[in-house]
Amino acid sequence: MNTMRCNSGDALREVAGWVALLVVCLLWASAAAAQVLASWNEGPAKAAIIRFVSEVTRQGATTYVEPSERIAVFDNDGTLWSE
């Protein structure tokens, strides 16, 4: 009969590995959220876009737009494409 023995040190290392991965993911997500449009210069255009997105994605706001009703538009060298 083949039995598998679980070493508590191995289990602890596995849990520590998963916790470390979770911490890295949370830090990455936090850093990404803090850098909204990081490559853009500060100014009225950037502020207006951030404000607009914040208003239409905040549930409960009068300006909230359901995800199924949102339209994405991409600029392709001056030509607008809607998806």
C-alpha atoms as a PDB file:
ATOM      1  CA  MET A   1       0.000   0.000   0.000  1.00  0.00           C
ATOM      2  CA  ASN A   2       1.346   3.386  -0.993  1.00  0.00           C
ATOM      3  CA  THR A   3       0.757   6.172   1.525  1.00  0.00           C
ATOM      4  CA  MET A   4       1.711   9.748   1.082  1.00  0.00           C
ATOM      5  CA  ARG A   5       3.152  11.482   4.089  1.00  0.00           C
ATOM      6  CA  CYS A   6       2.629  15.186   4.448  1.00  0.00           C
ATOM      7  CA  ASN A   7       5.481  16.994   6.056  1.00  0.00           C
ATOM      8  CA  SER A   8       4.212  20.034   7.980  1.00  0.00           C
ATOM      9  CA  GLY A   9       7.246  22.001   6.775  1.00  0.00           C
ATOM     10  CA  ASP A  10       6.305  21.304   3.149  1.00  0.00           C
ATOM     11  CA  ALA A  11       2.713  22.358   3.769  1.00  0.00           C
ATOM     12  CA  LEU A  12       3.870  25.541   5.473  1.00  0.00           C
ATOM     13  CA  ARG A  13       6.195  26.380   2.564  1.00  0.00           C
ATOM     14  CA  GLU A  14       3.351  25.828   0.090  1.00  0.00           C
ATOM     15  CA  VAL A  15       1.006  28.099   2.032  1.00  0.00           C
ATOM     16  CA  ALA A  16       3.746  30.726   2.327  1.00  0.00           C
ATOM     17  CA  GLY A  17       4.269  30.542  -1.429  1.00  0.00           C
ATOM     18  CA  TRP A  18       0.574  31.137  -2.106  1.00  0.00           C
ATOM     19  CA  VAL A  19       0.470  34.021   0.365  1.00  0.00           C
ATOM     20  CA  ALA A  20       3.533  35.592  -1.291  1.00  0.00           C
ATOM     21  CA  LEU A  21       1.873  35.265  -4.711  1.00  0.00           C
ATOM     22  CA  LEU A  22      -1.284  36.901  -3.387  1.00  0.00           C
ATOM     23  CA  VAL A  23       0.696  39.788  -1.894  1.00  0.00           C
ATOM     24  CA  VAL A  24       2.550  40.353  -5.179  1.00  0.00           C
ATOM     25  CA  CYS A  25      -0.733  40.370  -7.119  1.00  0.00           C
ATOM     26  CA  LEU A  26      -2.315  42.842  -4.706  1.00  0.00           C
ATOM     27  CA  LEU A  27       0.700  45.146  -4.845  1.00  0.00           C
ATOM     28  CA  TRP A  28       0.715  45.037  -8.642  1.00  0.00           C
ATOM     29  CA  ALA A  29      -3.011  45.806  -8.797  1.00  0.00           C
ATOM     30  CA  SER A  30      -2.582  48.666  -6.339  1.00  0.00           C
ATOM     31  CA  ALA A  31       0.292  50.158  -8.335  1.00  0.00           C
ATOM     32  CA  ALA A  32      -1.655  49.850 -11.583  1.00  0.00           C
ATOM     33  CA  ALA A  33      -4.684  51.557 -10.058  1.00  0.00           C
ATOM     34  CA  ALA A  34      -2.542  54.403  -8.744  1.00  0.00           C
ATOM     35  CA  GLN A  35      -1.162  55.101 -12.220  1.00  0.00           C
ATOM     36  CA  VAL A  36      -4.308  55.989 -14.143  1.00  0.00           C
ATOM     37  CA  LEU A  37      -3.203  57.185 -17.585  1.00  0.00           C
ATOM     38  CA  ALA A  38       0.369  57.340 -16.298  1.00  0.00           C
ATOM     39  CA  SER A  39       1.810  58.270 -19.699  1.00  0.00           C
ATOM     40  CA  TRP A  40      -0.499  61.299 -20.036  1.00  0.00           C
ATOM     41  CA  ASN A  41       0.499  64.805 -18.950  1.00  0.00           C
ATOM     42  CA  GLU A  42      -1.575  66.298 -16.156  1.00  0.00           C
ATOM     43  CA  GLY A  43      -4.149  68.684 -17.551  1.00  0.00           C
ATOM     44  CA  PRO A  44      -7.823  69.303 -18.230  1.00  0.00           C
ATOM     45  CA  ALA A  45      -8.201  66.524 -20.824  1.00  0.00           C
ATOM     46  CA  LYS A  46      -6.782  63.835 -18.530  1.00  0.00           C
ATOM     47  CA  ALA A  47      -8.845  65.097 -15.585  1.00  0.00           C
ATOM     48  CA  ALA A  48     -12.038  65.134 -17.679  1.00  0.00           C
ATOM     49  CA  ILE A  49     -11.539  61.575 -18.904  1.00  0.00           C
ATOM     50  CA  ILE A  50     -10.798  60.249 -15.420  1.00  0.00           C
ATOM     51  CA  ARG A  51     -13.810  62.108 -14.002  1.00  0.00           C
ATOM     52  CA  PHE A  52     -16.111  60.813 -16.787  1.00  0.00           C
ATOM     53  CA  VAL A  53     -15.037  57.180 -16.352  1.00  0.00           C
ATOM     54  CA  SER A  54     -15.393  57.473 -12.585  1.00  0.00           C
ATOM     55  CA  GLU A  55     -18.916  58.886 -12.904  1.00  0.00           C
ATOM     56  CA  VAL A  56     -20.258  56.337 -15.390  1.00  0.00           C
ATOM     57  CA  THR A  57     -18.771  53.321 -13.584  1.00  0.00           C
ATOM     58  CA  ARG A  58     -19.841  54.191 -10.012  1.00  0.00           C
ATOM     59  CA  GLN A  59     -22.900  52.095  -9.169  1.00  0.00           C
ATOM     60  CA  GLY A  60     -25.673  54.117  -7.608  1.00  0.00           C
ATOM     61  CA  ALA A  61     -24.683  57.337  -9.347  1.00  0.00           C
ATOM     62  CA  THR A  62     -27.284  59.005 -11.555  1.00  0.00           C
ATOM     63  CA  THR A  63     -24.730  58.921 -14.390  1.00  0.00           C
ATOM     64  CA  TYR A  64     -24.023  55.155 -14.004  1.00  0.00           C
ATOM     65  CA  VAL A  65     -23.993  53.189 -17.277  1.00  0.00           C
ATOM     66  CA  GLU A  66     -24.594  49.435 -17.155  1.00  0.00           C
ATOM     67  CA  PRO A  67     -21.634  47.414 -18.519  1.00  0.00           C
ATOM     68  CA  SER A  68     -23.867  45.893 -21.227  1.00  0.00           C
ATOM     69  CA  GLU A  69     -24.704  49.425 -22.448  1.00  0.00           C
ATOM     70  CA  ARG A  70     -21.116  50.677 -22.645  1.00  0.00           C
ATOM     71  CA  ILE A  71     -19.454  51.114 -26.030  1.00  0.00           C
ATOM     72  CA  ALA A  72     -15.694  51.007 -26.532  1.00  0.00           C
ATOM     73  CA  VAL A  73     -14.208  53.247 -29.216  1.00  0.00           C
ATOM     74  CA  PHE A  74     -10.625  52.877 -30.387  1.00  0.00           C
ATOM     75  CA  ASP A  75      -8.584  55.368 -32.347  1.00  0.00           C
ATOM     76  CA  ASN A  76      -6.716  53.776 -35.238  1.00  0.00           C
ATOM     77  CA  ASP A  77      -4.591  56.533 -36.796  1.00  0.00           C
ATOM     78  CA  GLY A  78      -7.441  59.016 -36.759  1.00  0.00           C
ATOM     79  CA  THR A  79     -10.194  56.586 -37.730  1.00  0.00           C
ATOM     80  CA  LEU A  80     -12.690  55.661 -35.030  1.00  0.00           C
ATOM     81  CA  TRP A  81     -13.860  52.060 -34.758  1.00  0.00           C
ATOM     82  CA  SER A  82     -16.585  50.999 -32.366  1.00  0.00           C
ATOM     83  CA  GLU A  83     -16.642  47.481 -31.000  1.00  0.00           C
END
